[in-house]
Amino acid sequence: MAVEVSYFFSMISPFAYIGHDPFMALAAKYDLAVHYRPMMLGEVFAETGGLPLGKRHPLRQAYRLIELQRWREKRGLKFKLKPDHWPFDCGLADRVVIAICEAGQNPGPFMALGFHAIWVEDRNLADDSVVADVLEAAQMKSGPLIKAAKEDRTGELYRQYTDEAIERGCFGSPCYVLNDEPFWGQDRVDLLEDAIRSGRQPYTVPAA
C-alpha cells in the first residue's frame, strides 16, 4: 500500500514554490499517494495566530527576504523577490488545482508552471487568461477546468481543505502531513523523507 501524504499549500506562497520540486521528487522516489489540499492561507493565519506579510513586524519582513535569497541559491532557482503581480488573489489558481484533482488529473505540472509564471515570468495568476495559458502549457484543457474551478462544489472543497489544514496542525504553507504528523515548511522535506524511509511511528505532543 502506498504511503499517503497530504500536501497543504497555497499558490501565493513563495515557500510552496521553493519546495514544490523537491517534494515532487520525493513523491516520485517513494511512489507516494499525494493528496493535494489547497487552502485559504489568510484564513489559516487568522485562525492560528499568523499574520499576512504586510502586518508583520519590519524585522520579520526583512528576514523573509533574506531567507528567500538563501533558498533561491540553495535550490538553484532564479526568481524575483518582489514580483510585479504579488500578492494577488490566489483563489482561482488554488481552485484550479482542486478542479484538476477532481477531474482525475495530476496537478503537479500546472503547479510547477504556475509558480514559475508568478515568480520568474512576472505574470498575474489571478487573470483567467494567464491561468488558461498555464493550463494549456501543462497539456490540460483550460476551458472546462477554469469553469469547474468557479463552481460552488469546488469552493466547498476549498473551504473543507482549509478547515482540514487547521484540524491537522497546519498553520502555514507548505505543510506536509504524514500519519497525522505535520511537517511545516519546505525546509522540512528532508525530515519528511527520514520519517517515510524509517517507517517510524508519528511524533505527537506529549501528554501533560
N, C-alpha and C. Protein backbone atom coordinates (compact mmCIF):
# COMPACT_ATOMS: atom_id res chain seq x y z
N MET A 1 0.84 -1.19 0.00
CA MET A 1 0.00 0.00 0.00
C MET A 1 0.89 1.25 0.00
N ALA A 2 0.54 2.20 -0.86
CA ALA A 2 1.34 3.42 -0.98
C ALA A 2 1.26 4.26 0.29
N VAL A 3 2.36 4.89 0.62
CA VAL A 3 2.38 5.84 1.74
C VAL A 3 1.63 7.10 1.31
N GLU A 4 0.74 7.57 2.17
CA GLU A 4 -0.08 8.73 1.85
C GLU A 4 0.45 9.98 2.56
N VAL A 5 0.53 11.07 1.79
CA VAL A 5 0.93 12.37 2.33
C VAL A 5 -0.06 13.41 1.86
N SER A 6 -0.59 14.18 2.78
CA SER A 6 -1.47 15.30 2.43
C SER A 6 -0.61 16.55 2.29
N TYR A 7 -0.79 17.24 1.18
CA TYR A 7 0.05 18.37 0.79
C TYR A 7 -0.80 19.64 0.86
N PHE A 8 -0.63 20.40 1.93
CA PHE A 8 -1.38 21.63 2.14
C PHE A 8 -0.54 22.82 1.67
N PHE A 9 -1.14 23.71 0.90
CA PHE A 9 -0.37 24.82 0.31
C PHE A 9 -1.33 25.87 -0.24
N SER A 10 -0.76 26.98 -0.64
CA SER A 10 -1.47 27.96 -1.46
C SER A 10 -0.53 28.38 -2.57
N MET A 11 -1.08 28.65 -3.74
CA MET A 11 -0.26 29.06 -4.87
C MET A 11 0.37 30.43 -4.65
N ILE A 12 -0.09 31.19 -3.67
CA ILE A 12 0.50 32.50 -3.40
C ILE A 12 1.80 32.39 -2.61
N SER A 13 2.09 31.24 -2.06
CA SER A 13 3.20 31.07 -1.14
C SER A 13 4.54 30.87 -1.87
N PRO A 14 5.52 31.77 -1.64
CA PRO A 14 6.83 31.56 -2.25
C PRO A 14 7.53 30.31 -1.74
N PHE A 15 7.25 29.96 -0.49
CA PHE A 15 7.92 28.78 0.05
C PHE A 15 7.30 27.49 -0.48
N ALA A 16 6.01 27.54 -0.84
CA ALA A 16 5.43 26.40 -1.55
C ALA A 16 6.11 26.23 -2.91
N TYR A 17 6.37 27.35 -3.56
CA TYR A 17 7.10 27.32 -4.83
C TYR A 17 8.49 26.71 -4.65
N ILE A 18 9.22 27.19 -3.67
CA ILE A 18 10.60 26.72 -3.46
C ILE A 18 10.62 25.23 -3.14
N GLY A 19 9.62 24.76 -2.42
CA GLY A 19 9.62 23.36 -2.01
C GLY A 19 8.91 22.41 -2.96
N HIS A 20 8.25 22.96 -3.99
CA HIS A 20 7.43 22.09 -4.84
C HIS A 20 8.23 21.02 -5.55
N ASP A 21 9.29 21.39 -6.23
CA ASP A 21 10.06 20.40 -6.98
C ASP A 21 10.71 19.36 -6.06
N PRO A 22 11.33 19.77 -4.94
CA PRO A 22 11.88 18.75 -4.03
C PRO A 22 10.81 17.79 -3.50
N PHE A 23 9.63 18.32 -3.20
CA PHE A 23 8.58 17.43 -2.71
C PHE A 23 8.09 16.50 -3.82
N MET A 24 7.96 17.00 -5.03
CA MET A 24 7.55 16.15 -6.15
C MET A 24 8.59 15.05 -6.41
N ALA A 25 9.86 15.40 -6.26
CA ALA A 25 10.92 14.39 -6.42
C ALA A 25 10.80 13.32 -5.34
N LEU A 26 10.51 13.75 -4.12
CA LEU A 26 10.32 12.81 -3.02
C LEU A 26 9.11 11.91 -3.28
N ALA A 27 8.04 12.49 -3.78
CA ALA A 27 6.83 11.72 -4.07
C ALA A 27 7.11 10.66 -5.13
N ALA A 28 7.89 11.02 -6.14
CA ALA A 28 8.23 10.06 -7.19
C ALA A 28 9.16 8.97 -6.66
N LYS A 29 10.12 9.36 -5.83
CA LYS A 29 11.10 8.40 -5.31
C LYS A 29 10.43 7.30 -4.49
N TYR A 30 9.43 7.68 -3.69
CA TYR A 30 8.79 6.71 -2.80
C TYR A 30 7.40 6.31 -3.27
N ASP A 31 7.03 6.74 -4.48
CA ASP A 31 5.72 6.43 -5.05
C ASP A 31 4.61 6.78 -4.06
N LEU A 32 4.67 8.00 -3.54
CA LEU A 32 3.71 8.45 -2.55
C LEU A 32 2.33 8.68 -3.17
N ALA A 33 1.31 8.44 -2.39
CA ALA A 33 -0.05 8.84 -2.75
C ALA A 33 -0.24 10.24 -2.18
N VAL A 34 -0.19 11.25 -3.04
CA VAL A 34 -0.25 12.65 -2.60
C VAL A 34 -1.68 13.16 -2.69
N HIS A 35 -2.16 13.70 -1.59
CA HIS A 35 -3.48 14.33 -1.55
C HIS A 35 -3.27 15.84 -1.55
N TYR A 36 -3.57 16.46 -2.68
CA TYR A 36 -3.36 17.90 -2.83
C TYR A 36 -4.47 18.66 -2.11
N ARG A 37 -4.07 19.60 -1.25
CA ARG A 37 -5.03 20.31 -0.42
C ARG A 37 -4.76 21.82 -0.44
N PRO A 38 -5.14 22.51 -1.52
CA PRO A 38 -5.03 23.97 -1.50
C PRO A 38 -5.87 24.53 -0.35
N MET A 39 -5.35 25.56 0.30
CA MET A 39 -6.05 26.13 1.45
C MET A 39 -6.05 27.65 1.37
N MET A 40 -7.03 28.27 2.03
CA MET A 40 -7.11 29.73 2.11
C MET A 40 -6.12 30.19 3.16
N LEU A 41 -4.96 30.60 2.73
CA LEU A 41 -3.86 30.86 3.65
C LEU A 41 -4.18 31.99 4.63
N GLY A 42 -4.87 33.01 4.14
CA GLY A 42 -5.24 34.11 5.03
C GLY A 42 -6.12 33.65 6.17
N GLU A 43 -7.03 32.73 5.88
CA GLU A 43 -7.92 32.23 6.93
C GLU A 43 -7.18 31.30 7.88
N VAL A 44 -6.24 30.56 7.36
CA VAL A 44 -5.40 29.73 8.23
C VAL A 44 -4.61 30.62 9.19
N PHE A 45 -4.02 31.69 8.67
CA PHE A 45 -3.30 32.64 9.51
C PHE A 45 -4.21 33.21 10.59
N ALA A 46 -5.40 33.65 10.17
CA ALA A 46 -6.33 34.29 11.11
C ALA A 46 -6.72 33.35 12.24
N GLU A 47 -6.86 32.08 11.92
CA GLU A 47 -7.31 31.11 12.92
C GLU A 47 -6.17 30.67 13.83
N THR A 48 -4.94 30.67 13.33
CA THR A 48 -3.83 30.10 14.08
C THR A 48 -2.84 31.14 14.62
N GLY A 49 -3.15 32.41 14.44
CA GLY A 49 -2.30 33.44 15.02
C GLY A 49 -1.23 33.98 14.09
N GLY A 50 -1.27 33.58 12.83
CA GLY A 50 -0.32 34.12 11.86
C GLY A 50 -0.76 35.49 11.37
N LEU A 51 0.14 36.18 10.67
CA LEU A 51 -0.16 37.50 10.12
C LEU A 51 0.19 37.54 8.64
N PRO A 52 -0.63 38.23 7.83
CA PRO A 52 -0.23 38.46 6.44
C PRO A 52 1.03 39.30 6.42
N LEU A 53 1.76 39.21 5.33
CA LEU A 53 3.09 39.83 5.27
C LEU A 53 3.09 41.30 5.66
N GLY A 54 2.13 42.06 5.13
CA GLY A 54 2.13 43.50 5.37
C GLY A 54 1.90 43.89 6.82
N LYS A 55 1.39 42.98 7.64
CA LYS A 55 1.13 43.28 9.04
C LYS A 55 2.21 42.74 9.97
N ARG A 56 3.22 42.11 9.42
CA ARG A 56 4.30 41.59 10.26
C ARG A 56 5.28 42.71 10.63
N HIS A 57 5.97 42.52 11.72
CA HIS A 57 6.99 43.48 12.14
C HIS A 57 8.03 43.62 11.03
N PRO A 58 8.57 44.83 10.84
CA PRO A 58 9.58 45.02 9.79
C PRO A 58 10.77 44.06 9.88
N LEU A 59 11.15 43.67 11.09
CA LEU A 59 12.24 42.70 11.22
C LEU A 59 11.88 41.36 10.58
N ARG A 60 10.64 40.95 10.78
CA ARG A 60 10.19 39.68 10.19
C ARG A 60 10.10 39.80 8.66
N GLN A 61 9.64 40.93 8.19
CA GLN A 61 9.57 41.14 6.75
C GLN A 61 10.96 41.12 6.13
N ALA A 62 11.90 41.75 6.79
CA ALA A 62 13.27 41.77 6.29
C ALA A 62 13.90 40.38 6.30
N TYR A 63 13.64 39.63 7.38
CA TYR A 63 14.23 38.30 7.47
C TYR A 63 13.67 37.38 6.38
N ARG A 64 12.39 37.54 6.06
CA ARG A 64 11.80 36.76 4.98
C ARG A 64 12.56 36.95 3.68
N LEU A 65 12.94 38.19 3.37
CA LEU A 65 13.68 38.46 2.13
C LEU A 65 15.06 37.81 2.16
N ILE A 66 15.68 37.79 3.33
CA ILE A 66 16.97 37.10 3.46
C ILE A 66 16.80 35.61 3.23
N GLU A 67 15.77 35.03 3.83
CA GLU A 67 15.51 33.60 3.66
C GLU A 67 15.24 33.24 2.20
N LEU A 68 14.46 34.08 1.52
CA LEU A 68 14.18 33.81 0.12
C LEU A 68 15.47 33.77 -0.71
N GLN A 69 16.40 34.66 -0.39
CA GLN A 69 17.67 34.67 -1.12
C GLN A 69 18.50 33.42 -0.80
N ARG A 70 18.50 33.02 0.46
CA ARG A 70 19.23 31.81 0.83
C ARG A 70 18.71 30.60 0.08
N TRP A 71 17.38 30.45 0.09
CA TRP A 71 16.79 29.27 -0.53
C TRP A 71 16.81 29.34 -2.05
N ARG A 72 16.77 30.53 -2.59
CA ARG A 72 16.92 30.67 -4.04
C ARG A 72 18.27 30.12 -4.48
N GLU A 73 19.30 30.45 -3.72
CA GLU A 73 20.63 29.94 -4.03
C GLU A 73 20.72 28.44 -3.76
N LYS A 74 20.18 28.01 -2.63
CA LYS A 74 20.25 26.59 -2.24
C LYS A 74 19.58 25.70 -3.26
N ARG A 75 18.42 26.12 -3.76
CA ARG A 75 17.65 25.30 -4.71
C ARG A 75 18.06 25.53 -6.16
N GLY A 76 18.96 26.46 -6.40
CA GLY A 76 19.39 26.74 -7.76
C GLY A 76 18.31 27.39 -8.60
N LEU A 77 17.51 28.24 -7.98
CA LEU A 77 16.42 28.91 -8.68
C LEU A 77 16.81 30.34 -9.03
N LYS A 78 16.07 30.92 -9.96
CA LYS A 78 16.26 32.32 -10.33
C LYS A 78 14.89 32.98 -10.35
N PHE A 79 14.54 33.61 -9.26
CA PHE A 79 13.23 34.25 -9.20
C PHE A 79 13.34 35.63 -8.57
N LYS A 80 12.31 36.43 -8.79
CA LYS A 80 12.28 37.78 -8.26
C LYS A 80 11.79 37.76 -6.83
N LEU A 81 12.41 38.58 -6.01
CA LEU A 81 11.99 38.65 -4.61
C LEU A 81 10.66 39.38 -4.48
N LYS A 82 10.40 40.31 -5.39
CA LYS A 82 9.17 41.09 -5.34
C LYS A 82 8.54 41.15 -6.73
N PRO A 83 7.85 40.08 -7.13
CA PRO A 83 7.22 40.07 -8.46
C PRO A 83 6.19 41.20 -8.59
N ASP A 84 6.00 41.66 -9.81
CA ASP A 84 5.09 42.78 -10.05
C ASP A 84 3.66 42.47 -9.66
N HIS A 85 3.24 41.21 -9.79
CA HIS A 85 1.84 40.84 -9.54
C HIS A 85 1.68 40.02 -8.26
N TRP A 86 2.50 40.32 -7.29
CA TRP A 86 2.40 39.65 -5.99
C TRP A 86 2.36 40.69 -4.89
N PRO A 87 1.47 40.56 -3.93
CA PRO A 87 0.47 39.49 -3.78
C PRO A 87 -0.68 39.62 -4.76
N PHE A 88 -1.39 38.55 -4.97
CA PHE A 88 -2.51 38.53 -5.91
C PHE A 88 -3.62 37.68 -5.30
N ASP A 89 -4.80 37.76 -5.89
CA ASP A 89 -5.91 36.93 -5.43
C ASP A 89 -5.67 35.52 -5.94
N CYS A 90 -5.28 34.64 -5.03
CA CYS A 90 -4.88 33.28 -5.43
C CYS A 90 -6.05 32.31 -5.49
N GLY A 91 -7.26 32.79 -5.25
CA GLY A 91 -8.40 31.89 -5.20
C GLY A 91 -8.59 31.08 -6.47
N LEU A 92 -8.46 31.72 -7.63
CA LEU A 92 -8.65 30.99 -8.89
C LEU A 92 -7.59 29.91 -9.06
N ALA A 93 -6.33 30.27 -8.86
CA ALA A 93 -5.24 29.30 -9.05
C ALA A 93 -5.39 28.12 -8.09
N ASP A 94 -5.69 28.42 -6.83
CA ASP A 94 -5.87 27.34 -5.86
C ASP A 94 -7.04 26.44 -6.25
N ARG A 95 -8.13 27.05 -6.69
CA ARG A 95 -9.32 26.28 -7.04
C ARG A 95 -9.12 25.49 -8.33
N VAL A 96 -8.27 25.98 -9.22
CA VAL A 96 -7.95 25.21 -10.42
C VAL A 96 -7.24 23.91 -10.05
N VAL A 97 -6.35 23.99 -9.04
CA VAL A 97 -5.69 22.76 -8.58
C VAL A 97 -6.73 21.75 -8.11
N ILE A 98 -7.72 22.22 -7.38
CA ILE A 98 -8.79 21.33 -6.91
C ILE A 98 -9.55 20.75 -8.09
N ALA A 99 -9.86 21.60 -9.07
CA ALA A 99 -10.60 21.14 -10.25
C ALA A 99 -9.82 20.08 -11.02
N ILE A 100 -8.51 20.27 -11.10
CA ILE A 100 -7.67 19.27 -11.79
C ILE A 100 -7.75 17.93 -11.07
N CYS A 101 -7.64 17.96 -9.75
CA CYS A 101 -7.72 16.73 -8.97
C CYS A 101 -9.08 16.06 -9.14
N GLU A 102 -10.14 16.87 -9.08
CA GLU A 102 -11.49 16.32 -9.22
C GLU A 102 -11.72 15.72 -10.60
N ALA A 103 -10.97 16.18 -11.58
CA ALA A 103 -11.05 15.62 -12.93
C ALA A 103 -10.18 14.38 -13.09
N GLY A 104 -9.53 13.97 -12.01
CA GLY A 104 -8.70 12.77 -12.06
C GLY A 104 -7.35 12.97 -12.70
N GLN A 105 -6.87 14.21 -12.74
CA GLN A 105 -5.58 14.51 -13.34
C GLN A 105 -4.57 14.92 -12.27
N ASN A 106 -3.32 14.95 -12.66
CA ASN A 106 -2.23 15.31 -11.76
C ASN A 106 -1.99 16.82 -11.84
N PRO A 107 -2.16 17.55 -10.72
CA PRO A 107 -1.98 19.00 -10.76
C PRO A 107 -0.53 19.45 -10.68
N GLY A 108 0.39 18.51 -10.46
CA GLY A 108 1.79 18.88 -10.27
C GLY A 108 2.36 19.74 -11.40
N PRO A 109 2.16 19.36 -12.67
CA PRO A 109 2.71 20.19 -13.76
C PRO A 109 2.12 21.59 -13.79
N PHE A 110 0.81 21.72 -13.56
CA PHE A 110 0.21 23.06 -13.53
C PHE A 110 0.82 23.88 -12.41
N MET A 111 1.00 23.27 -11.25
CA MET A 111 1.57 24.00 -10.13
C MET A 111 2.99 24.47 -10.44
N ALA A 112 3.79 23.60 -10.99
CA ALA A 112 5.18 23.97 -11.30
C ALA A 112 5.23 25.12 -12.29
N LEU A 113 4.43 25.04 -13.33
CA LEU A 113 4.40 26.11 -14.32
C LEU A 113 3.77 27.38 -13.77
N GLY A 114 2.77 27.21 -12.90
CA GLY A 114 2.13 28.37 -12.29
C GLY A 114 3.08 29.12 -11.37
N PHE A 115 3.80 28.38 -10.55
CA PHE A 115 4.80 29.02 -9.69
C PHE A 115 5.83 29.77 -10.52
N HIS A 116 6.27 29.14 -11.59
CA HIS A 116 7.28 29.78 -12.46
C HIS A 116 6.70 31.05 -13.09
N ALA A 117 5.44 31.00 -13.47
CA ALA A 117 4.80 32.17 -14.07
C ALA A 117 4.78 33.34 -13.09
N ILE A 118 4.49 33.04 -11.83
CA ILE A 118 4.41 34.10 -10.81
C ILE A 118 5.78 34.68 -10.52
N TRP A 119 6.73 33.82 -10.18
CA TRP A 119 7.99 34.25 -9.57
C TRP A 119 9.11 34.53 -10.56
N VAL A 120 9.01 33.98 -11.76
CA VAL A 120 10.07 34.18 -12.75
C VAL A 120 9.59 35.04 -13.91
N GLU A 121 8.36 34.78 -14.37
CA GLU A 121 7.86 35.46 -15.57
C GLU A 121 7.05 36.71 -15.25
N ASP A 122 6.81 37.00 -13.98
CA ASP A 122 6.06 38.21 -13.59
C ASP A 122 4.65 38.22 -14.17
N ARG A 123 3.99 37.09 -14.16
CA ARG A 123 2.63 37.02 -14.70
C ARG A 123 1.62 37.00 -13.55
N ASN A 124 0.41 37.41 -13.87
CA ASN A 124 -0.64 37.54 -12.86
C ASN A 124 -1.54 36.31 -12.87
N LEU A 125 -1.38 35.45 -11.89
CA LEU A 125 -2.14 34.21 -11.86
C LEU A 125 -3.56 34.41 -11.31
N ALA A 126 -3.96 35.65 -11.12
CA ALA A 126 -5.36 35.93 -10.82
C ALA A 126 -6.15 36.17 -12.10
N ASP A 127 -5.46 36.25 -13.21
CA ASP A 127 -6.07 36.53 -14.51
C ASP A 127 -6.47 35.23 -15.20
N ASP A 128 -7.72 35.14 -15.62
CA ASP A 128 -8.21 33.91 -16.28
C ASP A 128 -7.35 33.53 -17.48
N SER A 129 -6.96 34.52 -18.27
CA SER A 129 -6.22 34.21 -19.49
C SER A 129 -4.83 33.67 -19.17
N VAL A 130 -4.22 34.18 -18.11
CA VAL A 130 -2.91 33.67 -17.70
C VAL A 130 -3.04 32.24 -17.19
N VAL A 131 -4.04 31.99 -16.36
CA VAL A 131 -4.27 30.63 -15.86
C VAL A 131 -4.54 29.68 -17.03
N ALA A 132 -5.31 30.15 -18.01
CA ALA A 132 -5.58 29.32 -19.19
C ALA A 132 -4.29 28.99 -19.93
N ASP A 133 -3.41 29.99 -20.09
CA ASP A 133 -2.13 29.74 -20.76
C ASP A 133 -1.31 28.70 -20.01
N VAL A 134 -1.29 28.80 -18.68
CA VAL A 134 -0.50 27.86 -17.88
C VAL A 134 -1.09 26.46 -18.00
N LEU A 135 -2.41 26.35 -17.97
CA LEU A 135 -3.05 25.03 -18.11
C LEU A 135 -2.72 24.42 -19.48
N GLU A 136 -2.81 25.21 -20.52
CA GLU A 136 -2.51 24.69 -21.86
C GLU A 136 -1.05 24.27 -21.97
N ALA A 137 -0.16 25.04 -21.34
CA ALA A 137 1.26 24.67 -21.34
C ALA A 137 1.49 23.37 -20.60
N ALA A 138 0.61 23.08 -19.63
CA ALA A 138 0.69 21.82 -18.88
C ALA A 138 -0.07 20.69 -19.56
N GLN A 139 -0.48 20.94 -20.81
CA GLN A 139 -1.19 19.94 -21.62
C GLN A 139 -2.55 19.59 -21.03
N MET A 140 -3.25 20.61 -20.51
CA MET A 140 -4.58 20.43 -19.95
C MET A 140 -5.56 21.36 -20.65
N LYS A 141 -6.80 20.94 -20.78
CA LYS A 141 -7.82 21.76 -21.43
C LYS A 141 -8.30 22.82 -20.45
N SER A 142 -8.01 24.07 -20.77
CA SER A 142 -8.23 25.16 -19.83
C SER A 142 -9.70 25.48 -19.59
N GLY A 143 -10.50 25.48 -20.64
CA GLY A 143 -11.89 25.90 -20.51
C GLY A 143 -12.68 25.14 -19.46
N PRO A 144 -12.76 23.83 -19.57
CA PRO A 144 -13.51 23.05 -18.58
C PRO A 144 -12.96 23.17 -17.16
N LEU A 145 -11.64 23.27 -17.03
CA LEU A 145 -11.05 23.33 -15.70
C LEU A 145 -11.29 24.68 -15.03
N ILE A 146 -11.20 25.75 -15.78
CA ILE A 146 -11.48 27.07 -15.21
C ILE A 146 -12.96 27.17 -14.84
N LYS A 147 -13.81 26.63 -15.69
CA LYS A 147 -15.24 26.62 -15.38
C LYS A 147 -15.50 25.84 -14.10
N ALA A 148 -14.89 24.67 -13.99
CA ALA A 148 -15.08 23.84 -12.79
C ALA A 148 -14.53 24.53 -11.55
N ALA A 149 -13.42 25.26 -11.72
CA ALA A 149 -12.82 25.95 -10.57
C ALA A 149 -13.76 26.97 -9.96
N LYS A 150 -14.66 27.51 -10.76
CA LYS A 150 -15.57 28.56 -10.29
C LYS A 150 -16.89 28.02 -9.78
N GLU A 151 -17.07 26.72 -9.82
CA GLU A 151 -18.33 26.13 -9.35
C GLU A 151 -18.38 26.07 -7.83
N ASP A 152 -19.59 26.06 -7.30
CA ASP A 152 -19.78 26.04 -5.85
C ASP A 152 -19.13 24.83 -5.21
N ARG A 153 -19.21 23.69 -5.88
CA ARG A 153 -18.65 22.47 -5.32
C ARG A 153 -17.15 22.63 -5.06
N THR A 154 -16.46 23.28 -5.98
CA THR A 154 -15.03 23.50 -5.80
C THR A 154 -14.76 24.44 -4.64
N GLY A 155 -15.60 25.47 -4.52
CA GLY A 155 -15.46 26.37 -3.38
C GLY A 155 -15.69 25.68 -2.06
N GLU A 156 -16.62 24.74 -2.05
CA GLU A 156 -16.88 23.98 -0.83
C GLU A 156 -15.67 23.13 -0.45
N LEU A 157 -15.02 22.54 -1.44
CA LEU A 157 -13.83 21.75 -1.17
C LEU A 157 -12.68 22.63 -0.67
N TYR A 158 -12.57 23.81 -1.25
CA TYR A 158 -11.55 24.77 -0.82
C TYR A 158 -11.73 25.10 0.65
N ARG A 159 -12.96 25.34 1.05
CA ARG A 159 -13.27 25.59 2.46
C ARG A 159 -12.98 24.35 3.30
N GLN A 160 -13.35 23.20 2.81
CA GLN A 160 -13.14 21.95 3.55
C GLN A 160 -11.65 21.72 3.77
N TYR A 161 -10.85 21.95 2.74
CA TYR A 161 -9.41 21.73 2.87
C TYR A 161 -8.77 22.73 3.84
N THR A 162 -9.31 23.96 3.86
CA THR A 162 -8.81 24.96 4.80
C THR A 162 -9.08 24.52 6.24
N ASP A 163 -10.29 24.06 6.48
CA ASP A 163 -10.63 23.56 7.82
C ASP A 163 -9.78 22.35 8.18
N GLU A 164 -9.58 21.48 7.20
CA GLU A 164 -8.79 20.27 7.44
C GLU A 164 -7.35 20.63 7.78
N ALA A 165 -6.81 21.63 7.11
CA ALA A 165 -5.44 22.05 7.39
C ALA A 165 -5.27 22.43 8.85
N ILE A 166 -6.21 23.22 9.35
CA ILE A 166 -6.13 23.66 10.74
C ILE A 166 -6.31 22.48 11.69
N GLU A 167 -7.26 21.62 11.37
CA GLU A 167 -7.52 20.46 12.22
C GLU A 167 -6.30 19.54 12.31
N ARG A 168 -5.51 19.50 11.24
CA ARG A 168 -4.39 18.57 11.19
C ARG A 168 -3.05 19.22 11.55
N GLY A 169 -3.11 20.43 12.09
CA GLY A 169 -1.91 21.05 12.63
C GLY A 169 -1.13 21.93 11.70
N CYS A 170 -1.72 22.34 10.59
CA CYS A 170 -1.02 23.20 9.64
C CYS A 170 -1.35 24.66 9.90
N PHE A 171 -0.32 25.51 9.92
CA PHE A 171 -0.55 26.93 10.15
C PHE A 171 0.20 27.79 9.14
N GLY A 172 0.74 27.19 8.11
CA GLY A 172 1.45 27.92 7.06
C GLY A 172 1.61 27.05 5.84
N SER A 173 2.18 27.63 4.80
CA SER A 173 2.34 26.94 3.51
C SER A 173 3.81 26.91 3.11
N PRO A 174 4.27 25.72 2.67
CA PRO A 174 3.55 24.45 2.57
C PRO A 174 3.60 23.68 3.89
N CYS A 175 2.72 22.70 3.98
CA CYS A 175 2.71 21.80 5.13
C CYS A 175 2.39 20.40 4.61
N TYR A 176 3.21 19.44 4.99
CA TYR A 176 3.03 18.05 4.56
C TYR A 176 2.63 17.24 5.77
N VAL A 177 1.58 16.44 5.64
CA VAL A 177 1.10 15.67 6.78
C VAL A 177 1.22 14.17 6.46
N LEU A 178 2.00 13.49 7.28
CA LEU A 178 2.23 12.05 7.16
C LEU A 178 1.75 11.38 8.44
N ASN A 179 0.80 10.48 8.34
CA ASN A 179 0.28 9.78 9.53
C ASN A 179 -0.12 10.76 10.63
N ASP A 180 -0.77 11.84 10.24
CA ASP A 180 -1.23 12.87 11.17
C ASP A 180 -0.10 13.64 11.85
N GLU A 181 1.12 13.52 11.36
CA GLU A 181 2.24 14.33 11.85
C GLU A 181 2.53 15.42 10.84
N PRO A 182 2.36 16.69 11.21
CA PRO A 182 2.62 17.78 10.26
C PRO A 182 4.10 18.12 10.16
N PHE A 183 4.52 18.42 8.94
CA PHE A 183 5.86 18.91 8.66
C PHE A 183 5.68 20.27 7.98
N TRP A 184 5.88 21.34 8.75
CA TRP A 184 5.62 22.68 8.21
C TRP A 184 6.88 23.26 7.58
N GLY A 185 6.75 23.71 6.36
CA GLY A 185 7.82 24.41 5.69
C GLY A 185 8.56 23.56 4.67
N GLN A 186 8.94 24.19 3.57
CA GLN A 186 9.65 23.46 2.51
C GLN A 186 11.00 22.94 2.99
N ASP A 187 11.52 23.52 4.07
CA ASP A 187 12.80 23.06 4.60
C ASP A 187 12.64 21.83 5.50
N ARG A 188 11.42 21.27 5.54
CA ARG A 188 11.20 20.04 6.29
C ARG A 188 11.07 18.82 5.39
N VAL A 189 11.33 19.00 4.10
CA VAL A 189 11.21 17.87 3.17
C VAL A 189 12.17 16.76 3.54
N ASP A 190 13.39 17.11 3.97
CA ASP A 190 14.36 16.08 4.36
C ASP A 190 13.87 15.30 5.58
N LEU A 191 13.27 16.01 6.54
CA LEU A 191 12.75 15.33 7.73
C LEU A 191 11.56 14.45 7.36
N LEU A 192 10.77 14.90 6.41
CA LEU A 192 9.66 14.08 5.92
C LEU A 192 10.20 12.79 5.30
N GLU A 193 11.25 12.92 4.51
CA GLU A 193 11.84 11.72 3.90
C GLU A 193 12.38 10.78 4.98
N ASP A 194 13.00 11.31 6.00
CA ASP A 194 13.51 10.46 7.08
C ASP A 194 12.38 9.64 7.69
N ALA A 195 11.23 10.29 7.91
CA ALA A 195 10.09 9.60 8.52
C ALA A 195 9.54 8.53 7.60
N ILE A 196 9.49 8.82 6.30
CA ILE A 196 8.99 7.84 5.33
C ILE A 196 9.93 6.65 5.25
N ARG A 197 11.21 6.95 5.15
CA ARG A 197 12.19 5.88 4.98
C ARG A 197 12.26 4.97 6.19
N SER A 198 12.18 5.54 7.37
CA SER A 198 12.31 4.75 8.59
C SER A 198 11.04 3.98 8.94
N GLY A 199 9.90 4.52 8.49
CA GLY A 199 8.63 3.89 8.85
C GLY A 199 8.28 4.05 10.32
N ARG A 200 8.91 5.02 10.98
CA ARG A 200 8.68 5.21 12.41
C ARG A 200 7.25 5.63 12.69
N GLN A 201 6.87 5.50 13.95
CA GLN A 201 5.57 5.99 14.39
C GLN A 201 5.58 7.52 14.42
N PRO A 202 4.46 8.16 14.17
CA PRO A 202 4.43 9.63 14.17
C PRO A 202 4.71 10.21 15.54
N TYR A 203 5.40 11.34 15.53
CA TYR A 203 5.61 12.07 16.77
C TYR A 203 4.33 12.83 17.12
N THR A 204 4.05 12.90 18.40
CA THR A 204 2.86 13.60 18.87
C THR A 204 3.23 14.50 20.03
N VAL A 205 2.32 15.35 20.42
CA VAL A 205 2.56 16.24 21.56
C VAL A 205 2.46 15.39 22.84
N PRO A 206 3.50 15.38 23.67
CA PRO A 206 3.45 14.56 24.90
C PRO A 206 2.32 15.01 25.82
N ALA A 207 1.75 14.07 26.51
CA ALA A 207 0.70 14.39 27.48
C ALA A 207 1.28 15.20 28.63
N ALA A 208 0.48 16.07 29.18
CA ALA A 208 0.94 16.92 30.29
C ALA A 208 1.23 16.07 31.52
